[in-house]
Amino acid sequence: MLQRYLTVRPEGETEIEINRSRFISYVKRVETQEEAVAFIQEIKKKHWDATHNCSAYIVGENDQFQKMDDDGEPSGTAGKPILEVIKKKGLKDTAIVVTRYFGGIKLGAGGLIRAYGKSASAGVRAAGVVERILTREHHFSFDYTFLGKVENELNAQGYQIVGIQYLDKVTVTVGEEEGLEEPLKQLMTNLTSGQAEWTGGDLVYIEREQETGIDEDE
C-alpha cells in the first residue's frame, strides 16, 4: 500500500464549448481496469449519439495499467492529451472520458490536442483532487465533558477525526501516519487530564483536499 498518493474525488463532470463543439468531461476514481472500462462504457452508452467519446485512464500503485482511446479522432489528438493531463497532475487510479458533439468547425490536429487537454483539465478541477494518506486508526475513549475541547483542538492542529462513537463514554477515532502517533497520544492525554484510554486500530486512508490550479493554456 502506498503511503501517499494523489487521485480525484469519487467523480466529477463539466462542459465547455470550443468553436461550437461541445466537450463534456467525465472524471471518476477507479481502482481496477475493470472499473475503468465499465465507466467508459457507461459514458459511451449515455452519449451513444455523440460524435466521439474519447478516454484515458491510469490504474495501479505503479501506474502499471494505462490506456487511451481516440474513438475516431485523428490518432494522438484525443486519448493522448487526456492521458497526459492525468500524468501531468500526478494522479493515480483515475479515468477520464471527454464526449464531443461536433459543432461544424474543424479544429485541426493542434486544435484537437488543446481542446481535449483543456477539457480533461476542466474535468479534473470539477471533480477535485485529494491526497490519500495511509494512516493508523487511534481510538481514544473519555468522558463526554472533554468532547468539545478535544474536537476543537484536534481540528485546530490539523488532525483528521475519522469517527466518533457515543456509548457510556465517547470514543474519538483519529487517523495518523505510522511513527507519528506519540505527539497525538500526548495531546489527548493533556486534553483529557490523563483520562483518555487508547487502543490501536486498522490501517486506513484519509483524504486531504488539494489545490488543482489553473493550466497555462487556459
N, C-alpha and C. Protein backbone atom coordinates (compact mmCIF):
# COMPACT_ATOMS: atom_id res chain seq x y z
N MET A 1 0.84 -1.20 0.00
CA MET A 1 0.00 0.00 0.00
C MET A 1 0.88 1.25 0.00
N LEU A 2 0.56 2.17 -0.88
CA LEU A 2 1.33 3.41 -0.95
C LEU A 2 1.08 4.27 0.29
N GLN A 3 2.15 4.94 0.76
CA GLN A 3 1.98 5.81 1.92
C GLN A 3 1.17 7.06 1.56
N ARG A 4 1.43 7.62 0.40
CA ARG A 4 0.71 8.81 -0.06
C ARG A 4 0.56 8.77 -1.58
N TYR A 5 -0.57 9.25 -2.05
CA TYR A 5 -0.71 9.44 -3.50
C TYR A 5 -1.87 10.39 -3.78
N LEU A 6 -1.85 10.96 -4.98
CA LEU A 6 -2.89 11.88 -5.42
C LEU A 6 -3.89 11.16 -6.32
N THR A 7 -5.15 11.49 -6.15
CA THR A 7 -6.18 10.98 -7.03
C THR A 7 -7.33 11.99 -7.05
N VAL A 8 -8.36 11.69 -7.81
CA VAL A 8 -9.52 12.57 -7.85
C VAL A 8 -10.53 12.15 -6.79
N ARG A 9 -11.43 13.06 -6.46
CA ARG A 9 -12.58 12.68 -5.65
C ARG A 9 -13.42 11.68 -6.45
N PRO A 10 -14.39 11.02 -5.82
CA PRO A 10 -15.08 9.92 -6.50
C PRO A 10 -15.50 10.19 -7.93
N GLU A 11 -16.03 11.39 -8.23
CA GLU A 11 -16.37 11.67 -9.62
C GLU A 11 -16.68 13.15 -9.81
N GLY A 12 -16.65 13.57 -11.08
CA GLY A 12 -16.95 14.95 -11.40
C GLY A 12 -17.32 15.06 -12.87
N GLU A 13 -17.95 16.18 -13.22
CA GLU A 13 -18.43 16.39 -14.58
C GLU A 13 -18.47 17.88 -14.89
N THR A 14 -18.13 18.25 -16.11
CA THR A 14 -18.25 19.65 -16.54
C THR A 14 -18.33 19.70 -18.05
N GLU A 15 -18.70 20.85 -18.59
CA GLU A 15 -18.84 21.01 -20.03
C GLU A 15 -18.27 22.36 -20.46
N ILE A 16 -17.56 22.35 -21.58
CA ILE A 16 -17.08 23.59 -22.18
C ILE A 16 -17.40 23.57 -23.67
N GLU A 17 -17.39 24.75 -24.30
CA GLU A 17 -17.63 24.85 -25.73
C GLU A 17 -16.41 25.47 -26.40
N ILE A 18 -15.97 24.83 -27.47
CA ILE A 18 -14.82 25.32 -28.23
C ILE A 18 -15.19 25.31 -29.70
N ASN A 19 -15.24 26.50 -30.32
CA ASN A 19 -15.60 26.62 -31.74
C ASN A 19 -16.86 25.83 -32.08
N ARG A 20 -17.88 26.03 -31.25
CA ARG A 20 -19.22 25.46 -31.44
C ARG A 20 -19.32 23.97 -31.11
N SER A 21 -18.20 23.31 -30.87
CA SER A 21 -18.25 21.91 -30.44
C SER A 21 -18.42 21.85 -28.92
N ARG A 22 -19.28 20.95 -28.47
CA ARG A 22 -19.46 20.73 -27.02
C ARG A 22 -18.50 19.63 -26.57
N PHE A 23 -17.77 19.92 -25.50
CA PHE A 23 -16.88 18.94 -24.90
C PHE A 23 -17.35 18.71 -23.46
N ILE A 24 -17.83 17.51 -23.18
CA ILE A 24 -18.32 17.16 -21.84
C ILE A 24 -17.31 16.21 -21.20
N SER A 25 -16.77 16.61 -20.07
CA SER A 25 -15.74 15.82 -19.39
C SER A 25 -16.33 15.07 -18.20
N TYR A 26 -16.04 13.79 -18.14
CA TYR A 26 -16.43 12.95 -17.01
C TYR A 26 -15.18 12.38 -16.38
N VAL A 27 -15.07 12.51 -15.07
CA VAL A 27 -13.88 12.05 -14.35
C VAL A 27 -14.33 11.14 -13.21
N LYS A 28 -13.63 10.04 -13.02
CA LYS A 28 -14.03 9.09 -11.98
C LYS A 28 -12.80 8.42 -11.37
N ARG A 29 -12.85 8.21 -10.05
CA ARG A 29 -11.81 7.42 -9.39
C ARG A 29 -12.10 5.94 -9.61
N VAL A 30 -11.12 5.23 -10.10
CA VAL A 30 -11.27 3.79 -10.36
C VAL A 30 -10.07 3.07 -9.75
N GLU A 31 -10.30 1.87 -9.24
CA GLU A 31 -9.22 1.13 -8.58
C GLU A 31 -8.79 -0.11 -9.34
N THR A 32 -9.52 -0.46 -10.40
CA THR A 32 -9.15 -1.60 -11.24
C THR A 32 -9.40 -1.25 -12.70
N GLN A 33 -8.77 -2.02 -13.59
CA GLN A 33 -9.03 -1.82 -15.02
C GLN A 33 -10.49 -2.09 -15.35
N GLU A 34 -11.07 -3.08 -14.67
CA GLU A 34 -12.46 -3.42 -14.93
C GLU A 34 -13.38 -2.24 -14.60
N GLU A 35 -13.10 -1.53 -13.49
CA GLU A 35 -13.88 -0.35 -13.14
C GLU A 35 -13.73 0.74 -14.20
N ALA A 36 -12.50 0.91 -14.67
CA ALA A 36 -12.24 1.94 -15.69
C ALA A 36 -13.00 1.64 -16.97
N VAL A 37 -12.93 0.41 -17.43
CA VAL A 37 -13.60 0.02 -18.67
C VAL A 37 -15.12 0.15 -18.51
N ALA A 38 -15.65 -0.26 -17.35
CA ALA A 38 -17.09 -0.17 -17.12
C ALA A 38 -17.55 1.29 -17.13
N PHE A 39 -16.75 2.18 -16.55
CA PHE A 39 -17.07 3.61 -16.53
C PHE A 39 -17.10 4.17 -17.95
N ILE A 40 -16.09 3.84 -18.74
CA ILE A 40 -16.02 4.34 -20.12
C ILE A 40 -17.22 3.84 -20.92
N GLN A 41 -17.57 2.57 -20.76
CA GLN A 41 -18.71 2.02 -21.48
C GLN A 41 -20.02 2.68 -21.03
N GLU A 42 -20.10 3.01 -19.76
CA GLU A 42 -21.29 3.69 -19.24
C GLU A 42 -21.49 5.05 -19.92
N ILE A 43 -20.40 5.80 -20.07
CA ILE A 43 -20.50 7.11 -20.71
C ILE A 43 -20.80 6.96 -22.20
N LYS A 44 -20.20 5.98 -22.83
CA LYS A 44 -20.48 5.75 -24.26
C LYS A 44 -21.95 5.40 -24.49
N LYS A 45 -22.50 4.62 -23.56
CA LYS A 45 -23.91 4.26 -23.68
C LYS A 45 -24.80 5.48 -23.45
N LYS A 46 -24.40 6.31 -22.47
CA LYS A 46 -25.17 7.52 -22.18
C LYS A 46 -25.16 8.48 -23.35
N HIS A 47 -24.00 8.61 -24.01
CA HIS A 47 -23.85 9.53 -25.13
C HIS A 47 -23.63 8.74 -26.43
N TRP A 48 -24.54 7.82 -26.69
CA TRP A 48 -24.44 6.98 -27.89
C TRP A 48 -24.50 7.81 -29.18
N ASP A 49 -25.12 9.00 -29.08
CA ASP A 49 -25.29 9.84 -30.26
C ASP A 49 -24.18 10.87 -30.43
N ALA A 50 -23.16 10.84 -29.55
CA ALA A 50 -22.07 11.81 -29.63
C ALA A 50 -21.18 11.52 -30.84
N THR A 51 -20.47 12.54 -31.29
CA THR A 51 -19.52 12.36 -32.39
C THR A 51 -18.35 11.48 -31.95
N HIS A 52 -17.84 11.72 -30.73
CA HIS A 52 -16.74 10.94 -30.19
C HIS A 52 -16.88 10.84 -28.66
N ASN A 53 -16.44 9.72 -28.12
CA ASN A 53 -16.29 9.55 -26.67
C ASN A 53 -14.85 9.09 -26.43
N CYS A 54 -13.95 10.03 -26.24
CA CYS A 54 -12.52 9.74 -26.12
C CYS A 54 -12.15 9.57 -24.66
N SER A 55 -11.15 8.74 -24.38
CA SER A 55 -10.89 8.39 -22.98
C SER A 55 -9.44 8.02 -22.71
N ALA A 56 -9.13 8.00 -21.43
CA ALA A 56 -7.82 7.53 -20.96
C ALA A 56 -7.94 7.20 -19.48
N TYR A 57 -7.08 6.30 -19.03
CA TYR A 57 -7.05 6.00 -17.60
C TYR A 57 -5.67 5.52 -17.18
N ILE A 58 -5.39 5.70 -15.88
CA ILE A 58 -4.20 5.16 -15.24
C ILE A 58 -4.65 4.46 -13.97
N VAL A 59 -4.24 3.21 -13.79
CA VAL A 59 -4.63 2.42 -12.62
C VAL A 59 -3.41 1.66 -12.11
N GLY A 60 -3.32 1.51 -10.79
CA GLY A 60 -2.27 0.70 -10.18
C GLY A 60 -1.29 1.52 -9.37
N GLU A 61 -0.73 0.89 -8.33
CA GLU A 61 0.21 1.59 -7.45
C GLU A 61 1.39 2.15 -8.22
N ASN A 62 1.84 1.43 -9.24
CA ASN A 62 2.98 1.87 -10.05
C ASN A 62 2.56 2.36 -11.42
N ASP A 63 1.30 2.76 -11.55
CA ASP A 63 0.75 3.24 -12.83
C ASP A 63 0.92 2.20 -13.93
N GLN A 64 0.84 0.92 -13.54
CA GLN A 64 1.16 -0.14 -14.50
C GLN A 64 0.07 -0.38 -15.55
N PHE A 65 -1.13 0.11 -15.30
CA PHE A 65 -2.20 -0.07 -16.28
C PHE A 65 -2.59 1.30 -16.85
N GLN A 66 -2.28 1.49 -18.11
CA GLN A 66 -2.59 2.76 -18.78
C GLN A 66 -3.19 2.47 -20.14
N LYS A 67 -4.21 3.24 -20.50
CA LYS A 67 -4.82 3.06 -21.82
C LYS A 67 -5.43 4.37 -22.27
N MET A 68 -5.40 4.59 -23.57
CA MET A 68 -6.03 5.78 -24.15
C MET A 68 -6.75 5.38 -25.43
N ASP A 69 -7.80 6.13 -25.77
CA ASP A 69 -8.63 5.80 -26.93
C ASP A 69 -9.08 7.08 -27.62
N ASP A 70 -8.73 7.21 -28.91
CA ASP A 70 -9.11 8.39 -29.69
C ASP A 70 -10.55 8.32 -30.21
N ASP A 71 -11.14 7.14 -30.19
CA ASP A 71 -12.53 6.92 -30.59
C ASP A 71 -12.90 7.66 -31.89
N GLY A 72 -12.06 7.50 -32.90
CA GLY A 72 -12.38 8.06 -34.20
C GLY A 72 -11.74 9.40 -34.51
N GLU A 73 -11.23 10.10 -33.51
CA GLU A 73 -10.48 11.33 -33.78
C GLU A 73 -9.13 10.94 -34.39
N PRO A 74 -8.46 11.85 -35.10
CA PRO A 74 -7.14 11.54 -35.65
C PRO A 74 -6.19 11.01 -34.57
N SER A 75 -5.39 10.04 -34.93
CA SER A 75 -4.51 9.37 -33.97
C SER A 75 -3.66 10.36 -33.16
N GLY A 76 -3.70 10.23 -31.85
CA GLY A 76 -2.88 11.04 -30.96
C GLY A 76 -3.45 12.39 -30.60
N THR A 77 -4.66 12.71 -31.09
CA THR A 77 -5.20 14.05 -30.84
C THR A 77 -6.20 14.11 -29.69
N ALA A 78 -6.59 12.97 -29.13
CA ALA A 78 -7.63 12.98 -28.10
C ALA A 78 -7.23 12.17 -26.88
N GLY A 79 -7.08 10.85 -27.05
CA GLY A 79 -6.73 10.00 -25.91
C GLY A 79 -5.41 10.37 -25.27
N LYS A 80 -4.43 10.69 -26.11
CA LYS A 80 -3.10 11.03 -25.58
C LYS A 80 -3.11 12.30 -24.74
N PRO A 81 -3.69 13.42 -25.22
CA PRO A 81 -3.71 14.62 -24.36
C PRO A 81 -4.52 14.42 -23.07
N ILE A 82 -5.55 13.58 -23.12
CA ILE A 82 -6.29 13.27 -21.89
C ILE A 82 -5.38 12.53 -20.91
N LEU A 83 -4.67 11.52 -21.43
CA LEU A 83 -3.75 10.76 -20.59
C LEU A 83 -2.65 11.66 -20.02
N GLU A 84 -2.16 12.59 -20.84
CA GLU A 84 -1.10 13.49 -20.39
C GLU A 84 -1.56 14.38 -19.24
N VAL A 85 -2.83 14.76 -19.23
CA VAL A 85 -3.36 15.55 -18.11
C VAL A 85 -3.29 14.74 -16.82
N ILE A 86 -3.68 13.47 -16.88
CA ILE A 86 -3.61 12.60 -15.70
C ILE A 86 -2.17 12.50 -15.20
N LYS A 87 -1.24 12.31 -16.14
CA LYS A 87 0.18 12.18 -15.78
C LYS A 87 0.74 13.48 -15.22
N LYS A 88 0.44 14.59 -15.90
CA LYS A 88 0.98 15.89 -15.51
C LYS A 88 0.56 16.26 -14.09
N LYS A 89 -0.66 15.91 -13.73
CA LYS A 89 -1.17 16.24 -12.42
C LYS A 89 -0.78 15.19 -11.37
N GLY A 90 -0.08 14.14 -11.80
CA GLY A 90 0.41 13.13 -10.86
C GLY A 90 -0.68 12.28 -10.25
N LEU A 91 -1.75 12.04 -10.99
CA LEU A 91 -2.91 11.32 -10.44
C LEU A 91 -2.79 9.82 -10.65
N LYS A 92 -3.29 9.08 -9.69
CA LYS A 92 -3.40 7.64 -9.80
C LYS A 92 -4.87 7.24 -9.77
N ASP A 93 -5.14 6.01 -10.24
CA ASP A 93 -6.50 5.45 -10.18
C ASP A 93 -7.54 6.44 -10.70
N THR A 94 -7.31 6.95 -11.89
CA THR A 94 -8.17 7.98 -12.47
C THR A 94 -8.52 7.64 -13.91
N ALA A 95 -9.81 7.79 -14.23
CA ALA A 95 -10.30 7.61 -15.60
C ALA A 95 -11.03 8.87 -16.03
N ILE A 96 -10.82 9.26 -17.28
CA ILE A 96 -11.47 10.45 -17.84
C ILE A 96 -12.06 10.10 -19.20
N VAL A 97 -13.30 10.52 -19.41
CA VAL A 97 -13.94 10.42 -20.73
C VAL A 97 -14.33 11.83 -21.16
N VAL A 98 -13.93 12.21 -22.36
CA VAL A 98 -14.35 13.50 -22.93
C VAL A 98 -15.26 13.21 -24.11
N THR A 99 -16.50 13.59 -23.98
CA THR A 99 -17.51 13.41 -25.02
C THR A 99 -17.57 14.66 -25.89
N ARG A 100 -17.54 14.47 -27.21
CA ARG A 100 -17.59 15.62 -28.11
C ARG A 100 -18.80 15.54 -29.04
N TYR A 101 -19.52 16.65 -29.10
CA TYR A 101 -20.57 16.83 -30.11
C TYR A 101 -20.06 17.88 -31.09
N PHE A 102 -19.78 17.45 -32.30
CA PHE A 102 -19.17 18.31 -33.32
C PHE A 102 -20.08 19.48 -33.66
N GLY A 103 -19.49 20.68 -33.70
CA GLY A 103 -20.29 21.88 -33.94
C GLY A 103 -20.17 22.46 -35.33
N GLY A 104 -19.46 21.76 -36.22
CA GLY A 104 -19.41 22.22 -37.61
C GLY A 104 -18.11 22.90 -38.01
N ILE A 105 -17.24 23.19 -37.03
CA ILE A 105 -15.96 23.84 -37.34
C ILE A 105 -14.82 22.88 -37.01
N LYS A 106 -14.01 22.55 -38.00
CA LYS A 106 -12.89 21.65 -37.77
C LYS A 106 -11.79 22.37 -36.99
N LEU A 107 -11.17 21.67 -36.06
CA LEU A 107 -10.16 22.29 -35.20
C LEU A 107 -8.73 22.01 -35.65
N GLY A 108 -8.53 21.02 -36.50
CA GLY A 108 -7.16 20.66 -36.87
C GLY A 108 -6.50 19.86 -35.76
N ALA A 109 -5.39 19.21 -36.07
CA ALA A 109 -4.73 18.34 -35.09
C ALA A 109 -4.33 19.11 -33.83
N GLY A 110 -3.66 20.25 -34.02
CA GLY A 110 -3.23 21.03 -32.86
C GLY A 110 -4.40 21.54 -32.04
N GLY A 111 -5.45 21.95 -32.71
CA GLY A 111 -6.64 22.43 -32.00
C GLY A 111 -7.32 21.33 -31.21
N LEU A 112 -7.35 20.13 -31.77
CA LEU A 112 -7.95 19.00 -31.07
C LEU A 112 -7.15 18.64 -29.82
N ILE A 113 -5.83 18.62 -29.95
CA ILE A 113 -4.98 18.29 -28.80
C ILE A 113 -5.21 19.29 -27.67
N ARG A 114 -5.27 20.57 -28.02
CA ARG A 114 -5.51 21.60 -26.99
C ARG A 114 -6.91 21.47 -26.40
N ALA A 115 -7.90 21.19 -27.25
CA ALA A 115 -9.28 21.10 -26.79
C ALA A 115 -9.48 19.93 -25.82
N TYR A 116 -8.94 18.78 -26.18
CA TYR A 116 -9.12 17.62 -25.32
C TYR A 116 -8.31 17.76 -24.02
N GLY A 117 -7.12 18.36 -24.12
CA GLY A 117 -6.34 18.61 -22.90
C GLY A 117 -7.05 19.59 -21.99
N LYS A 118 -7.59 20.65 -22.57
CA LYS A 118 -8.31 21.65 -21.77
C LYS A 118 -9.55 21.05 -21.13
N SER A 119 -10.27 20.23 -21.88
CA SER A 119 -11.48 19.60 -21.37
C SER A 119 -11.16 18.64 -20.22
N ALA A 120 -10.10 17.85 -20.39
CA ALA A 120 -9.71 16.92 -19.33
C ALA A 120 -9.31 17.67 -18.07
N SER A 121 -8.57 18.76 -18.22
CA SER A 121 -8.16 19.57 -17.07
C SER A 121 -9.37 20.17 -16.36
N ALA A 122 -10.35 20.64 -17.15
CA ALA A 122 -11.56 21.20 -16.56
C ALA A 122 -12.32 20.13 -15.78
N GLY A 123 -12.32 18.92 -16.30
CA GLY A 123 -12.98 17.82 -15.60
C GLY A 123 -12.32 17.49 -14.28
N VAL A 124 -11.00 17.51 -14.26
CA VAL A 124 -10.27 17.24 -13.02
C VAL A 124 -10.57 18.32 -11.98
N ARG A 125 -10.62 19.57 -12.43
CA ARG A 125 -10.95 20.66 -11.49
C ARG A 125 -12.36 20.49 -10.94
N ALA A 126 -13.29 20.06 -11.81
CA ALA A 126 -14.67 19.88 -11.37
C ALA A 126 -14.78 18.77 -10.34
N ALA A 127 -14.01 17.70 -10.55
CA ALA A 127 -14.03 16.59 -9.60
C ALA A 127 -13.33 16.97 -8.31
N GLY A 128 -12.17 17.62 -8.44
CA GLY A 128 -11.35 17.95 -7.28
C GLY A 128 -10.29 16.88 -7.05
N VAL A 129 -9.14 17.30 -6.57
CA VAL A 129 -8.01 16.40 -6.31
C VAL A 129 -7.82 16.25 -4.81
N VAL A 130 -7.55 15.02 -4.39
CA VAL A 130 -7.27 14.76 -2.97
C VAL A 130 -5.95 14.00 -2.85
N GLU A 131 -5.29 14.20 -1.72
CA GLU A 131 -4.14 13.37 -1.37
C GLU A 131 -4.63 12.30 -0.40
N ARG A 132 -4.40 11.04 -0.75
CA ARG A 132 -4.77 9.94 0.14
C ARG A 132 -3.53 9.56 0.94
N ILE A 133 -3.68 9.53 2.26
CA ILE A 133 -2.56 9.28 3.17
C ILE A 133 -2.88 8.05 4.01
N LEU A 134 -1.98 7.09 3.99
CA LEU A 134 -2.17 5.86 4.76
C LEU A 134 -1.90 6.14 6.24
N THR A 135 -2.88 5.86 7.07
CA THR A 135 -2.76 6.16 8.50
C THR A 135 -3.22 4.96 9.33
N ARG A 136 -2.84 4.99 10.59
CA ARG A 136 -3.33 4.02 11.56
C ARG A 136 -4.45 4.67 12.36
N GLU A 137 -5.54 3.95 12.57
CA GLU A 137 -6.62 4.46 13.40
C GLU A 137 -6.19 4.43 14.88
N HIS A 138 -6.50 5.50 15.59
CA HIS A 138 -6.24 5.56 17.03
C HIS A 138 -7.54 5.91 17.73
N HIS A 139 -7.99 5.01 18.61
CA HIS A 139 -9.26 5.19 19.30
C HIS A 139 -9.00 5.73 20.72
N PHE A 140 -9.64 6.83 21.06
CA PHE A 140 -9.49 7.43 22.38
C PHE A 140 -10.86 7.52 23.04
N SER A 141 -11.01 6.86 24.19
CA SER A 141 -12.28 6.89 24.93
C SER A 141 -12.12 7.74 26.18
N PHE A 142 -13.12 8.60 26.45
CA PHE A 142 -13.03 9.50 27.59
C PHE A 142 -14.42 10.03 27.94
N ASP A 143 -14.52 10.76 29.01
CA ASP A 143 -15.78 11.32 29.47
C ASP A 143 -16.29 12.40 28.50
N TYR A 144 -17.59 12.49 28.37
CA TYR A 144 -18.22 13.44 27.43
C TYR A 144 -17.85 14.89 27.71
N THR A 145 -17.50 15.20 28.93
CA THR A 145 -17.21 16.60 29.29
C THR A 145 -16.01 17.14 28.52
N PHE A 146 -15.15 16.27 28.01
CA PHE A 146 -13.96 16.72 27.28
C PHE A 146 -14.18 16.83 25.77
N LEU A 147 -15.33 16.38 25.28
CA LEU A 147 -15.51 16.23 23.83
C LEU A 147 -15.33 17.54 23.06
N GLY A 148 -15.98 18.61 23.51
CA GLY A 148 -15.89 19.88 22.79
C GLY A 148 -14.47 20.36 22.67
N LYS A 149 -13.73 20.32 23.77
CA LYS A 149 -12.34 20.77 23.76
C LYS A 149 -11.49 19.88 22.85
N VAL A 150 -11.72 18.58 22.91
CA VAL A 150 -10.95 17.64 22.10
C VAL A 150 -11.19 17.90 20.61
N GLU A 151 -12.45 18.01 20.20
CA GLU A 151 -12.76 18.26 18.79
C GLU A 151 -12.12 19.55 18.30
N ASN A 152 -12.27 20.61 19.07
CA ASN A 152 -11.73 21.91 18.67
C ASN A 152 -10.22 21.87 18.49
N GLU A 153 -9.54 21.25 19.45
CA GLU A 153 -8.08 21.24 19.42
C GLU A 153 -7.55 20.33 18.31
N LEU A 154 -8.18 19.18 18.13
CA LEU A 154 -7.75 18.28 17.05
C LEU A 154 -7.90 18.96 15.70
N ASN A 155 -9.04 19.62 15.49
CA ASN A 155 -9.26 20.33 14.22
C ASN A 155 -8.26 21.48 14.06
N ALA A 156 -8.00 22.20 15.15
CA ALA A 156 -7.08 23.34 15.09
C ALA A 156 -5.66 22.91 14.73
N GLN A 157 -5.28 21.71 15.16
CA GLN A 157 -3.92 21.24 14.91
C GLN A 157 -3.81 20.37 13.65
N GLY A 158 -4.89 20.28 12.89
CA GLY A 158 -4.82 19.60 11.60
C GLY A 158 -5.00 18.10 11.63
N TYR A 159 -5.42 17.55 12.76
CA TYR A 159 -5.70 16.12 12.81
C TYR A 159 -7.05 15.84 12.17
N GLN A 160 -7.18 14.66 11.58
CA GLN A 160 -8.43 14.29 10.95
C GLN A 160 -9.19 13.29 11.81
N ILE A 161 -10.37 13.69 12.26
CA ILE A 161 -11.22 12.80 13.04
C ILE A 161 -11.94 11.86 12.07
N VAL A 162 -11.68 10.57 12.21
CA VAL A 162 -12.26 9.57 11.31
C VAL A 162 -13.69 9.23 11.74
N GLY A 163 -13.95 9.25 13.03
CA GLY A 163 -15.29 8.90 13.51
C GLY A 163 -15.43 9.17 14.99
N ILE A 164 -16.69 9.27 15.45
CA ILE A 164 -16.99 9.44 16.87
C ILE A 164 -18.10 8.46 17.23
N GLN A 165 -17.87 7.70 18.31
CA GLN A 165 -18.86 6.73 18.78
C GLN A 165 -19.35 7.15 20.16
N TYR A 166 -20.67 7.17 20.32
CA TYR A 166 -21.28 7.65 21.56
C TYR A 166 -21.87 6.47 22.34
N LEU A 167 -21.16 6.04 23.38
CA LEU A 167 -21.65 4.97 24.27
C LEU A 167 -21.59 5.48 25.70
N ASP A 168 -21.24 4.62 26.66
CA ASP A 168 -21.10 5.09 28.05
C ASP A 168 -20.07 6.21 28.11
N LYS A 169 -19.01 6.03 27.33
CA LYS A 169 -18.03 7.08 27.13
C LYS A 169 -18.02 7.42 25.64
N VAL A 170 -17.49 8.57 25.30
CA VAL A 170 -17.36 8.91 23.89
C VAL A 170 -16.01 8.41 23.39
N THR A 171 -15.98 7.84 22.20
CA THR A 171 -14.74 7.35 21.60
C THR A 171 -14.48 8.11 20.30
N VAL A 172 -13.38 8.82 20.27
CA VAL A 172 -12.98 9.58 19.09
C VAL A 172 -11.88 8.81 18.37
N THR A 173 -12.06 8.60 17.08
CA THR A 173 -11.07 7.89 16.28
C THR A 173 -10.34 8.89 15.38
N VAL A 174 -9.02 8.87 15.47
CA VAL A 174 -8.18 9.81 14.72
C VAL A 174 -7.20 9.01 13.86
N GLY A 175 -7.01 9.42 12.62
CA GLY A 175 -6.03 8.78 11.75
C GLY A 175 -4.71 9.54 11.81
N GLU A 176 -3.61 8.80 11.97
CA GLU A 176 -2.28 9.40 11.98
C GLU A 176 -1.29 8.45 11.34
N GLU A 177 -0.30 9.00 10.63
CA GLU A 177 0.69 8.18 9.97
C GLU A 177 1.50 7.38 10.98
N GLU A 178 1.92 6.20 10.53
CA GLU A 178 2.73 5.33 11.38
C GLU A 178 4.00 6.05 11.80
N GLY A 179 4.33 5.94 13.07
CA GLY A 179 5.54 6.55 13.59
C GLY A 179 5.36 7.96 14.09
N LEU A 180 4.17 8.55 13.84
CA LEU A 180 3.91 9.93 14.27
C LEU A 180 2.82 10.01 15.33
N GLU A 181 2.54 8.87 15.97
CA GLU A 181 1.40 8.82 16.88
C GLU A 181 1.70 9.36 18.29
N GLU A 182 2.95 9.44 18.69
CA GLU A 182 3.25 9.84 20.06
C GLU A 182 2.80 11.27 20.38
N PRO A 183 3.03 12.26 19.50
CA PRO A 183 2.51 13.61 19.79
C PRO A 183 0.99 13.62 19.92
N LEU A 184 0.31 12.80 19.12
CA LEU A 184 -1.15 12.70 19.21
C LEU A 184 -1.57 12.14 20.56
N LYS A 185 -0.91 11.09 20.99
CA LYS A 185 -1.25 10.48 22.28
C LYS A 185 -1.01 11.47 23.42
N GLN A 186 0.09 12.21 23.33
CA GLN A 186 0.41 13.17 24.39
C GLN A 186 -0.62 14.29 24.41
N LEU A 187 -1.04 14.74 23.22
CA LEU A 187 -2.05 15.78 23.15
C LEU A 187 -3.35 15.32 23.79
N MET A 188 -3.76 14.10 23.49
CA MET A 188 -5.00 13.57 24.05
C MET A 188 -4.90 13.40 25.57
N THR A 189 -3.74 13.03 26.04
CA THR A 189 -3.52 12.93 27.49
C THR A 189 -3.70 14.29 28.14
N ASN A 190 -3.11 15.31 27.53
CA ASN A 190 -3.21 16.67 28.08
C ASN A 190 -4.65 17.20 28.04
N LEU A 191 -5.34 16.94 26.94
CA LEU A 191 -6.69 17.48 26.78
C LEU A 191 -7.70 16.83 27.72
N THR A 192 -7.43 15.60 28.12
CA THR A 192 -8.39 14.87 28.96
C THR A 192 -7.87 14.66 30.39
N SER A 193 -6.85 15.43 30.75
CA SER A 193 -6.26 15.30 32.10
C SER A 193 -5.85 13.87 32.41
N GLY A 194 -5.33 13.20 31.40
CA GLY A 194 -4.82 11.84 31.58
C GLY A 194 -5.88 10.76 31.60
N GLN A 195 -7.13 11.10 31.27
CA GLN A 195 -8.21 10.12 31.38
C GLN A 195 -8.48 9.35 30.09
N ALA A 196 -7.93 9.78 28.97
CA ALA A 196 -8.21 9.11 27.70
C ALA A 196 -7.62 7.71 27.67
N GLU A 197 -8.43 6.74 27.28
CA GLU A 197 -7.98 5.36 27.12
C GLU A 197 -7.73 5.11 25.63
N TRP A 198 -6.54 4.62 25.30
CA TRP A 198 -6.14 4.47 23.90
C TRP A 198 -6.15 3.01 23.46
N THR A 199 -6.63 2.76 22.25
CA THR A 199 -6.47 1.46 21.59
C THR A 199 -6.14 1.72 20.12
N GLY A 200 -5.27 0.87 19.57
CA GLY A 200 -4.91 1.00 18.17
C GLY A 200 -5.94 0.35 17.27
N GLY A 201 -5.97 0.77 16.01
CA GLY A 201 -6.95 0.23 15.06
C GLY A 201 -6.33 -0.17 13.74
N ASP A 202 -7.12 -0.15 12.71
CA ASP A 202 -6.71 -0.61 11.39
C ASP A 202 -5.96 0.46 10.61
N LEU A 203 -5.30 0.02 9.55
CA LEU A 203 -4.72 0.95 8.60
C LEU A 203 -5.82 1.44 7.66
N VAL A 204 -5.94 2.74 7.51
CA VAL A 204 -6.97 3.33 6.64
C VAL A 204 -6.38 4.52 5.90
N TYR A 205 -6.97 4.85 4.77
CA TYR A 205 -6.58 6.06 4.07
C TYR A 205 -7.47 7.22 4.50
N ILE A 206 -6.85 8.36 4.78
CA ILE A 206 -7.61 9.59 4.96
C ILE A 206 -7.33 10.47 3.75
N GLU A 207 -8.22 11.42 3.49
CA GLU A 207 -8.10 12.25 2.30
C GLU A 207 -8.03 13.72 2.66
N ARG A 208 -7.13 14.42 1.99
CA ARG A 208 -6.99 15.86 2.18
C ARG A 208 -7.11 16.56 0.83
N GLU A 209 -7.94 17.58 0.80
CA GLU A 209 -8.17 18.33 -0.44
C GLU A 209 -6.87 18.99 -0.90
N GLN A 210 -6.70 19.03 -2.23
CA GLN A 210 -5.54 19.67 -2.83
C GLN A 210 -5.99 20.74 -3.81
N GLU A 211 -5.16 21.75 -3.98
CA GLU A 211 -5.43 22.77 -4.98
C GLU A 211 -5.13 22.19 -6.36
N THR A 212 -6.07 22.36 -7.32
CA THR A 212 -5.84 21.84 -8.66
C THR A 212 -5.13 22.85 -9.56
N GLY A 213 -5.19 24.15 -9.22
CA GLY A 213 -4.50 25.15 -10.02
C GLY A 213 -5.19 25.42 -11.35
N ILE A 214 -4.60 26.34 -12.10
CA ILE A 214 -5.12 26.71 -13.42
C ILE A 214 -4.02 26.45 -14.44
N ASP A 215 -4.36 25.75 -15.50
CA ASP A 215 -3.36 25.40 -16.51
C ASP A 215 -2.98 26.62 -17.34
N GLU A 216 -1.73 26.63 -17.77
CA GLU A 216 -1.22 27.78 -18.52
C GLU A 216 -1.96 27.98 -19.84
N ASP A 217 -2.41 26.90 -20.46
CA ASP A 217 -3.07 27.03 -21.76
C ASP A 217 -4.51 27.48 -21.65
N GLU A 218 -4.96 27.79 -20.43
CA GLU A 218 -6.32 28.24 -20.26
C GLU A 218 -6.36 29.72 -19.95
